[in-house]
Amino acid sequence: MDRHIAAQLATADAVRVWDERRAAGEATSVAYANGLLGVAQDEEASRLAIVNYRPQGDRELRMKLTYMAAYLIATCGTLDANEMNSILE
């Protein structure tokens, strides 16, 4: 969960910087776009690690479900069918 939170923060920072550069009229380089893609991929990998994690007890199960519910509410996101099945298993 800590890794996912860090990845989300990195993604938000990268997007903020990109928006500031775009608003200032600076050209966005391919390298910067690739960096933005990289942090987005890190966030996705971290989220999938949580989705696919098999809790070792009731406490971990509740933590996982609470975290995922908070994440989905905060992002107005959804899970695809495979992710939902993994969460419910």
PDB file of N, CA and C in Angstrom:
ATOM      1  N   MET A   1       0.816  -1.179   0.000  1.00  0.00           N
ATOM      2  CA  MET A   1       0.000   0.000   0.000  1.00  0.00           C
ATOM      3  C   MET A   1       0.870   1.256   0.000  1.00  0.00           C
ATOM      4  N   ASP A   2       1.965   1.233   0.751  1.00  0.00           N
ATOM      5  CA  ASP A   2       2.858   2.391   0.782  1.00  0.00           C
ATOM      6  C   ASP A   2       3.446   2.653  -0.605  1.00  0.00           C
ATOM      7  N   ARG A   3       3.798   1.589  -1.298  1.00  0.00           N
ATOM      8  CA  ARG A   3       4.352   1.720  -2.656  1.00  0.00           C
ATOM      9  C   ARG A   3       3.317   2.339  -3.589  1.00  0.00           C
ATOM     10  N   HIS A   4       2.064   1.932  -3.464  1.00  0.00           N
ATOM     11  CA  HIS A   4       1.009   2.471  -4.314  1.00  0.00           C
ATOM     12  C   HIS A   4       0.781   3.949  -4.017  1.00  0.00           C
ATOM     13  N   ILE A   5       0.767   4.314  -2.749  1.00  0.00           N
ATOM     14  CA  ILE A   5       0.585   5.718  -2.379  1.00  0.00           C
ATOM     15  C   ILE A   5       1.732   6.556  -2.931  1.00  0.00           C
ATOM     16  N   ALA A   6       2.957   6.056  -2.807  1.00  0.00           N
ATOM     17  CA  ALA A   6       4.118   6.780  -3.346  1.00  0.00           C
ATOM     18  C   ALA A   6       4.012   6.926  -4.861  1.00  0.00           C
ATOM     19  N   ALA A   7       3.554   5.886  -5.537  1.00  0.00           N
ATOM     20  CA  ALA A   7       3.396   5.949  -6.991  1.00  0.00           C
ATOM     21  C   ALA A   7       2.311   6.946  -7.380  1.00  0.00           C
ATOM     22  N   GLN A   8       1.233   7.000  -6.612  1.00  0.00           N
ATOM     23  CA  GLN A   8       0.177   7.972  -6.887  1.00  0.00           C
ATOM     24  C   GLN A   8       0.695   9.400  -6.720  1.00  0.00           C
ATOM     25  N   LEU A   9       1.466   9.638  -5.675  1.00  0.00           N
ATOM     26  CA  LEU A   9       2.031  10.965  -5.445  1.00  0.00           C
ATOM     27  C   LEU A   9       2.997  11.356  -6.558  1.00  0.00           C
ATOM     28  N   ALA A  10       3.812  10.405  -7.003  1.00  0.00           N
ATOM     29  CA  ALA A  10       4.744  10.674  -8.104  1.00  0.00           C
ATOM     30  C   ALA A  10       3.989  10.992  -9.387  1.00  0.00           C
ATOM     31  N   THR A  11       2.916  10.280  -9.634  1.00  0.00           N
ATOM     32  CA  THR A  11       2.102  10.544 -10.821  1.00  0.00           C
ATOM     33  C   THR A  11       1.484  11.928 -10.743  1.00  0.00           C
ATOM     34  N   ALA A  12       0.932  12.276  -9.591  1.00  0.00           N
ATOM     35  CA  ALA A  12       0.322  13.600  -9.416  1.00  0.00           C
ATOM     36  C   ALA A  12       1.358  14.708  -9.601  1.00  0.00           C
ATOM     37  N   ASP A  13       2.560  14.517  -9.060  1.00  0.00           N
ATOM     38  CA  ASP A  13       3.623  15.521  -9.218  1.00  0.00           C
ATOM     39  C   ASP A  13       4.021  15.673 -10.679  1.00  0.00           C
ATOM     40  N   ALA A  14       4.154  14.554 -11.379  1.00  0.00           N
ATOM     41  CA  ALA A  14       4.540  14.601 -12.789  1.00  0.00           C
ATOM     42  C   ALA A  14       3.476  15.302 -13.626  1.00  0.00           C
ATOM     43  N   VAL A  15       2.228  15.019 -13.364  1.00  0.00           N
ATOM     44  CA  VAL A  15       1.143  15.665 -14.104  1.00  0.00           C
ATOM     45  C   VAL A  15       1.105  17.158 -13.803  1.00  0.00           C
ATOM     46  N   ARG A  16       1.296  17.526 -12.535  1.00  0.00           N
ATOM     47  CA  ARG A  16       1.301  18.942 -12.163  1.00  0.00           C
ATOM     48  C   ARG A  16       2.399  19.699 -12.900  1.00  0.00           C
ATOM     49  N   VAL A  17       3.609  19.138 -12.935  1.00  0.00           N
ATOM     50  CA  VAL A  17       4.725  19.777 -13.626  1.00  0.00           C
ATOM     51  C   VAL A  17       4.428  19.890 -15.118  1.00  0.00           C
ATOM     52  N   TRP A  18       3.879  18.837 -15.701  1.00  0.00           N
ATOM     53  CA  TRP A  18       3.534  18.841 -17.126  1.00  0.00           C
ATOM     54  C   TRP A  18       2.506  19.924 -17.419  1.00  0.00           C
ATOM     55  N   ASP A  19       1.489  20.036 -16.581  1.00  0.00           N
ATOM     56  CA  ASP A  19       0.466  21.066 -16.766  1.00  0.00           C
ATOM     57  C   ASP A  19       1.060  22.470 -16.643  1.00  0.00           C
ATOM     58  N   GLU A  20       1.970  22.661 -15.683  1.00  0.00           N
ATOM     59  CA  GLU A  20       2.608  23.965 -15.517  1.00  0.00           C
ATOM     60  C   GLU A  20       3.435  24.329 -16.737  1.00  0.00           C
ATOM     61  N   ARG A  21       4.170  23.358 -17.268  1.00  0.00           N
ATOM     62  CA  ARG A  21       4.985  23.614 -18.463  1.00  0.00           C
ATOM     63  C   ARG A  21       4.102  23.925 -19.663  1.00  0.00           C
ATOM     64  N   ARG A  22       3.022  23.186 -19.791  1.00  0.00           N
ATOM     65  CA  ARG A  22       2.109  23.403 -20.908  1.00  0.00           C
ATOM     66  C   ARG A  22       1.463  24.783 -20.791  1.00  0.00           C
ATOM     67  N   ALA A  23       1.046  25.171 -19.594  1.00  0.00           N
ATOM     68  CA  ALA A  23       0.427  26.476 -19.372  1.00  0.00           C
ATOM     69  C   ALA A  23       1.410  27.613 -19.650  1.00  0.00           C
ATOM     70  N   ALA A  24       2.680  27.385 -19.397  1.00  0.00           N
ATOM     71  CA  ALA A  24       3.713  28.392 -19.634  1.00  0.00           C
ATOM     72  C   ALA A  24       4.121  28.454 -21.100  1.00  0.00           C
ATOM     73  N   GLY A  25       3.584  27.557 -21.904  1.00  0.00           N
ATOM     74  CA  GLY A  25       3.903  27.564 -23.331  1.00  0.00           C
ATOM     75  C   GLY A  25       5.167  26.808 -23.684  1.00  0.00           C
ATOM     76  N   GLU A  26       5.733  26.118 -22.733  1.00  0.00           N
ATOM     77  CA  GLU A  26       6.936  25.331 -23.005  1.00  0.00           C
ATOM     78  C   GLU A  26       6.557  24.062 -23.757  1.00  0.00           C
ATOM     79  N   ALA A  27       7.375  23.685 -24.691  1.00  0.00           N
ATOM     80  CA  ALA A  27       7.124  22.445 -25.433  1.00  0.00           C
ATOM     81  C   ALA A  27       7.394  21.245 -24.535  1.00  0.00           C
ATOM     82  N   THR A  28       6.524  20.272 -24.603  1.00  0.00           N
ATOM     83  CA  THR A  28       6.717  19.049 -23.834  1.00  0.00           C
ATOM     84  C   THR A  28       7.558  18.089 -24.664  1.00  0.00           C
ATOM     85  N   SER A  29       8.665  17.662 -24.121  1.00  0.00           N
ATOM     86  CA  SER A  29       9.562  16.785 -24.861  1.00  0.00           C
ATOM     87  C   SER A  29       9.082  15.346 -24.811  1.00  0.00           C
ATOM     88  N   VAL A  30       9.550  14.573 -25.760  1.00  0.00           N
ATOM     89  CA  VAL A  30       9.232  13.147 -25.797  1.00  0.00           C
ATOM     90  C   VAL A  30       9.765  12.464 -24.546  1.00  0.00           C
ATOM     91  N   ALA A  31      10.933  12.866 -24.088  1.00  0.00           N
ATOM     92  CA  ALA A  31      11.508  12.270 -22.876  1.00  0.00           C
ATOM     93  C   ALA A  31      10.614  12.524 -21.674  1.00  0.00           C
ATOM     94  N   TYR A  32      10.055  13.728 -21.577  1.00  0.00           N
ATOM     95  CA  TYR A  32       9.174  14.024 -20.459  1.00  0.00           C
ATOM     96  C   TYR A  32       7.897  13.211 -20.543  1.00  0.00           C
ATOM     97  N   ALA A  33       7.355  13.090 -21.759  1.00  0.00           N
ATOM     98  CA  ALA A  33       6.151  12.276 -21.948  1.00  0.00           C
ATOM     99  C   ALA A  33       6.424  10.828 -21.575  1.00  0.00           C
ATOM    100  N   ASN A  34       7.598  10.332 -21.928  1.00  0.00           N
ATOM    101  CA  ASN A  34       7.956   8.959 -21.556  1.00  0.00           C
ATOM    102  C   ASN A  34       8.108   8.822 -20.044  1.00  0.00           C
ATOM    103  N   GLY A  35       8.630   9.853 -19.402  1.00  0.00           N
ATOM    104  CA  GLY A  35       8.732   9.828 -17.944  1.00  0.00           C
ATOM    105  C   GLY A  35       7.365   9.807 -17.289  1.00  0.00           C
ATOM    106  N   LEU A  36       6.446  10.575 -17.833  1.00  0.00           N
ATOM    107  CA  LEU A  36       5.072  10.582 -17.337  1.00  0.00           C
ATOM    108  C   LEU A  36       4.435   9.215 -17.505  1.00  0.00           C
ATOM    109  N   LEU A  37       4.675   8.590 -18.647  1.00  0.00           N
ATOM    110  CA  LEU A  37       4.171   7.241 -18.882  1.00  0.00           C
ATOM    111  C   LEU A  37       4.774   6.271 -17.869  1.00  0.00           C
ATOM    112  N   GLY A  38       6.050   6.439 -17.575  1.00  0.00           N
ATOM    113  CA  GLY A  38       6.717   5.561 -16.611  1.00  0.00           C
ATOM    114  C   GLY A  38       6.109   5.633 -15.224  1.00  0.00           C
ATOM    115  N   VAL A  39       5.821   6.843 -14.742  1.00  0.00           N
ATOM    116  CA  VAL A  39       5.238   6.946 -13.401  1.00  0.00           C
ATOM    117  C   VAL A  39       3.808   6.414 -13.396  1.00  0.00           C
ATOM    118  N   ALA A  40       3.086   6.583 -14.504  1.00  0.00           N
ATOM    119  CA  ALA A  40       1.734   6.028 -14.593  1.00  0.00           C
ATOM    120  C   ALA A  40       1.783   4.503 -14.580  1.00  0.00           C
ATOM    121  N   GLN A  41       2.762   3.927 -15.247  1.00  0.00           N
ATOM    122  CA  GLN A  41       2.909   2.467 -15.253  1.00  0.00           C
ATOM    123  C   GLN A  41       3.295   1.962 -13.869  1.00  0.00           C
ATOM    124  N   ASP A  42       4.133   2.705 -13.148  1.00  0.00           N
ATOM    125  CA  ASP A  42       4.493   2.324 -11.776  1.00  0.00           C
ATOM    126  C   ASP A  42       3.259   2.326 -10.879  1.00  0.00           C
ATOM    127  N   GLU A  43       2.400   3.334 -11.048  1.00  0.00           N
ATOM    128  CA  GLU A  43       1.175   3.410 -10.247  1.00  0.00           C
ATOM    129  C   GLU A  43       0.275   2.221 -10.556  1.00  0.00           C
ATOM    130  N   GLU A  44       0.147   1.884 -11.837  1.00  0.00           N
ATOM    131  CA  GLU A  44      -0.697   0.744 -12.209  1.00  0.00           C
ATOM    132  C   GLU A  44      -0.142  -0.562 -11.651  1.00  0.00           C
ATOM    133  N   ALA A  45       1.166  -0.753 -11.741  1.00  0.00           N
ATOM    134  CA  ALA A  45       1.783  -1.979 -11.225  1.00  0.00           C
ATOM    135  C   ALA A  45       1.577  -2.093  -9.713  1.00  0.00           C
ATOM    136  N   SER A  46       1.699  -0.979  -9.010  1.00  0.00           N
ATOM    137  CA  SER A  46       1.492  -0.988  -7.562  1.00  0.00           C
ATOM    138  C   SER A  46       0.048  -1.322  -7.217  1.00  0.00           C
ATOM    139  N   ARG A  47      -0.881  -0.740  -7.972  1.00  0.00           N
ATOM    140  CA  ARG A  47      -2.305  -1.004  -7.726  1.00  0.00           C
ATOM    141  C   ARG A  47      -2.615  -2.471  -7.993  1.00  0.00           C
ATOM    142  N   LEU A  48      -2.082  -3.011  -9.073  1.00  0.00           N
ATOM    143  CA  LEU A  48      -2.333  -4.420  -9.394  1.00  0.00           C
ATOM    144  C   LEU A  48      -1.712  -5.351  -8.360  1.00  0.00           C
ATOM    145  N   ALA A  49      -0.584  -4.951  -7.787  1.00  0.00           N
ATOM    146  CA  ALA A  49       0.026  -5.764  -6.729  1.00  0.00           C
ATOM    147  C   ALA A  49      -0.918  -5.859  -5.537  1.00  0.00           C
ATOM    148  N   ILE A  50      -1.601  -4.762  -5.215  1.00  0.00           N
ATOM    149  CA  ILE A  50      -2.562  -4.794  -4.112  1.00  0.00           C
ATOM    150  C   ILE A  50      -3.777  -5.628  -4.494  1.00  0.00           C
ATOM    151  N   VAL A  51      -4.284  -5.425  -5.701  1.00  0.00           N
ATOM    152  CA  VAL A  51      -5.451  -6.183  -6.167  1.00  0.00           C
ATOM    153  C   VAL A  51      -5.175  -7.681  -6.093  1.00  0.00           C
ATOM    154  N   ASN A  52      -3.992  -8.100  -6.513  1.00  0.00           N
ATOM    155  CA  ASN A  52      -3.666  -9.524  -6.596  1.00  0.00           C
ATOM    156  C   ASN A  52      -3.106 -10.109  -5.299  1.00  0.00           C
ATOM    157  N   TYR A  53      -2.875  -9.277  -4.288  1.00  0.00           N
ATOM    158  CA  TYR A  53      -2.318  -9.748  -3.022  1.00  0.00           C
ATOM    159  C   TYR A  53      -3.319 -10.649  -2.304  1.00  0.00           C
ATOM    160  N   ARG A  54      -2.835 -11.758  -1.798  1.00  0.00           N
ATOM    161  CA  ARG A  54      -3.658 -12.701  -1.037  1.00  0.00           C
ATOM    162  C   ARG A  54      -3.443 -12.451   0.456  1.00  0.00           C
ATOM    163  N   PRO A  55      -4.412 -11.853   1.133  1.00  0.00           N
ATOM    164  CA  PRO A  55      -4.269 -11.551   2.560  1.00  0.00           C
ATOM    165  C   PRO A  55      -4.006 -12.812   3.379  1.00  0.00           C
ATOM    166  N   GLN A  56      -3.228 -12.637   4.442  1.00  0.00           N
ATOM    167  CA  GLN A  56      -2.851 -13.759   5.301  1.00  0.00           C
ATOM    168  C   GLN A  56      -3.756 -13.907   6.519  1.00  0.00           C
ATOM    169  N   GLY A  57      -4.810 -13.148   6.573  1.00  0.00           N
ATOM    170  CA  GLY A  57      -5.735 -13.248   7.702  1.00  0.00           C
ATOM    171  C   GLY A  57      -6.830 -12.201   7.570  1.00  0.00           C
ATOM    172  N   ASP A  58      -7.732 -12.222   8.539  1.00  0.00           N
ATOM    173  CA  ASP A  58      -8.858 -11.294   8.507  1.00  0.00           C
ATOM    174  C   ASP A  58      -8.420  -9.834   8.570  1.00  0.00           C
ATOM    175  N   ARG A  59      -7.413  -9.548   9.382  1.00  0.00           N
ATOM    176  CA  ARG A  59      -6.940  -8.166   9.505  1.00  0.00           C
ATOM    177  C   ARG A  59      -6.424  -7.655   8.168  1.00  0.00           C
ATOM    178  N   GLU A  60      -5.580  -8.426   7.502  1.00  0.00           N
ATOM    179  CA  GLU A  60      -5.060  -8.018   6.201  1.00  0.00           C
ATOM    180  C   GLU A  60      -6.171  -7.919   5.158  1.00  0.00           C
ATOM    181  N   LEU A  61      -7.129  -8.817   5.237  1.00  0.00           N
ATOM    182  CA  LEU A  61      -8.260  -8.766   4.310  1.00  0.00           C
ATOM    183  C   LEU A  61      -9.035  -7.469   4.476  1.00  0.00           C
ATOM    184  N   ARG A  62      -9.316  -7.094   5.702  1.00  0.00           N
ATOM    185  CA  ARG A  62     -10.046  -5.843   5.959  1.00  0.00           C
ATOM    186  C   ARG A  62      -9.240  -4.629   5.511  1.00  0.00           C
ATOM    187  N   MET A  63      -7.930  -4.658   5.756  1.00  0.00           N
ATOM    188  CA  MET A  63      -7.074  -3.552   5.316  1.00  0.00           C
ATOM    189  C   MET A  63      -7.093  -3.425   3.795  1.00  0.00           C
ATOM    190  N   LYS A  64      -6.985  -4.551   3.101  1.00  0.00           N
ATOM    191  CA  LYS A  64      -6.982  -4.541   1.635  1.00  0.00           C
ATOM    192  C   LYS A  64      -8.306  -3.995   1.109  1.00  0.00           C
ATOM    193  N   LEU A  65      -9.414  -4.497   1.630  1.00  0.00           N
ATOM    194  CA  LEU A  65     -10.726  -4.054   1.151  1.00  0.00           C
ATOM    195  C   LEU A  65     -10.960  -2.573   1.462  1.00  0.00           C
ATOM    196  N   THR A  66     -10.550  -2.139   2.647  1.00  0.00           N
ATOM    197  CA  THR A  66     -10.704  -0.735   3.023  1.00  0.00           C
ATOM    198  C   THR A  66      -9.869   0.159   2.117  1.00  0.00           C
ATOM    199  N   TYR A  67      -8.625  -0.249   1.868  1.00  0.00           N
ATOM    200  CA  TYR A  67      -7.743   0.538   1.015  1.00  0.00           C
ATOM    201  C   TYR A  67      -8.311   0.634  -0.397  1.00  0.00           C
ATOM    202  N   MET A  68      -8.736  -0.490  -0.946  1.00  0.00           N
ATOM    203  CA  MET A  68      -9.261  -0.487  -2.312  1.00  0.00           C
ATOM    204  C   MET A  68     -10.541   0.338  -2.402  1.00  0.00           C
ATOM    205  N   ALA A  69     -11.411   0.236  -1.402  1.00  0.00           N
ATOM    206  CA  ALA A  69     -12.638   1.037  -1.403  1.00  0.00           C
ATOM    207  C   ALA A  69     -12.301   2.522  -1.363  1.00  0.00           C
ATOM    208  N   ALA A  70     -11.366   2.908  -0.514  1.00  0.00           N
ATOM    209  CA  ALA A  70     -10.966   4.318  -0.417  1.00  0.00           C
ATOM    210  C   ALA A  70     -10.351   4.798  -1.727  1.00  0.00           C
ATOM    211  N   TYR A  71      -9.517   3.964  -2.325  1.00  0.00           N
ATOM    212  CA  TYR A  71      -8.890   4.316  -3.604  1.00  0.00           C
ATOM    213  C   TYR A  71      -9.949   4.523  -4.684  1.00  0.00           C
ATOM    214  N   LEU A  72     -10.889   3.603  -4.785  1.00  0.00           N
ATOM    215  CA  LEU A  72     -11.926   3.699  -5.814  1.00  0.00           C
ATOM    216  C   LEU A  72     -12.827   4.910  -5.592  1.00  0.00           C
ATOM    217  N   ILE A  73     -13.152   5.198  -4.333  1.00  0.00           N
ATOM    218  CA  ILE A  73     -13.975   6.373  -4.035  1.00  0.00           C
ATOM    219  C   ILE A  73     -13.208   7.651  -4.374  1.00  0.00           C
ATOM    220  N   ALA A  74     -11.957   7.719  -3.967  1.00  0.00           N
ATOM    221  CA  ALA A  74     -11.153   8.923  -4.192  1.00  0.00           C
ATOM    222  C   ALA A  74     -10.914   9.197  -5.673  1.00  0.00           C
ATOM    223  N   THR A  75     -10.753   8.143  -6.452  1.00  0.00           N
ATOM    224  CA  THR A  75     -10.445   8.319  -7.874  1.00  0.00           C
ATOM    225  C   THR A  75     -11.677   8.209  -8.766  1.00  0.00           C
ATOM    226  N   CYS A  76     -12.824   7.886  -8.164  1.00  0.00           N
ATOM    227  CA  CYS A  76     -14.043   7.608  -8.948  1.00  0.00           C
ATOM    228  C   CYS A  76     -13.752   6.518  -9.979  1.00  0.00           C
ATOM    229  N   GLY A  77     -12.880   5.593  -9.595  1.00  0.00           N
ATOM    230  CA  GLY A  77     -12.459   4.526 -10.486  1.00  0.00           C
ATOM    231  C   GLY A  77     -13.332   3.292 -10.392  1.00  0.00           C
ATOM    232  N   THR A  78     -13.026   2.347 -11.231  1.00  0.00           N
ATOM    233  CA  THR A  78     -13.701   1.062 -11.238  1.00  0.00           C
ATOM    234  C   THR A  78     -12.664  -0.036 -11.410  1.00  0.00           C
ATOM    235  N   LEU A  79     -13.092  -1.244 -11.176  1.00  0.00           N
ATOM    236  CA  LEU A  79     -12.252  -2.415 -11.411  1.00  0.00           C
ATOM    237  C   LEU A  79     -12.824  -3.182 -12.590  1.00  0.00           C
ATOM    238  N   ASP A  80     -11.940  -3.783 -13.386  1.00  0.00           N
ATOM    239  CA  ASP A  80     -12.468  -4.640 -14.443  1.00  0.00           C
ATOM    240  C   ASP A  80     -12.860  -5.981 -13.822  1.00  0.00           C
ATOM    241  N   ALA A  81     -13.471  -6.839 -14.615  1.00  0.00           N
ATOM    242  CA  ALA A  81     -14.005  -8.105 -14.089  1.00  0.00           C
ATOM    243  C   ALA A  81     -12.910  -8.963 -13.443  1.00  0.00           C
ATOM    244  N   ASN A  82     -11.737  -9.038 -14.064  1.00  0.00           N
ATOM    245  CA  ASN A  82     -10.641  -9.847 -13.506  1.00  0.00           C
ATOM    246  C   ASN A  82     -10.163  -9.285 -12.166  1.00  0.00           C
ATOM    247  N   GLU A  83     -10.056  -7.955 -12.091  1.00  0.00           N
ATOM    248  CA  GLU A  83      -9.634  -7.336 -10.834  1.00  0.00           C
ATOM    249  C   GLU A  83     -10.666  -7.567  -9.736  1.00  0.00           C
ATOM    250  N   MET A  84     -11.933  -7.440 -10.075  1.00  0.00           N
ATOM    251  CA  MET A  84     -12.989  -7.651  -9.095  1.00  0.00           C
ATOM    252  C   MET A  84     -12.965  -9.099  -8.582  1.00  0.00           C
ATOM    253  N   ASN A  85     -12.768 -10.045  -9.481  1.00  0.00           N
ATOM    254  CA  ASN A  85     -12.674 -11.452  -9.065  1.00  0.00           C
ATOM    255  C   ASN A  85     -11.494 -11.678  -8.142  1.00  0.00           C
ATOM    256  N   SER A  86     -10.368 -11.036  -8.453  1.00  0.00           N
ATOM    257  CA  SER A  86      -9.174 -11.184  -7.612  1.00  0.00           C
ATOM    258  C   SER A  86      -9.426 -10.604  -6.228  1.00  0.00           C
ATOM    259  N   ILE A  87     -10.087  -9.482  -6.157  1.00  0.00           N
ATOM    260  CA  ILE A  87     -10.392  -8.846  -4.862  1.00  0.00           C
ATOM    261  C   ILE A  87     -11.301  -9.748  -4.036  1.00  0.00           C
ATOM    262  N   LEU A  88     -12.285 -10.360  -4.673  1.00  0.00           N
ATOM    263  CA  LEU A  88     -13.287 -11.135  -3.940  1.00  0.00           C
ATOM    264  C   LEU A  88     -12.845 -12.548  -3.588  1.00  0.00           C
ATOM    265  N   GLU A  89     -11.769 -13.033  -4.174  1.00  0.00           N
ATOM    266  CA  GLU A  89     -11.305 -14.394  -3.884  1.00  0.00           C
ATOM    267  C   GLU A  89     -10.706 -14.516  -2.522  1.00  0.00           C
TER     268      GLU A  89
END
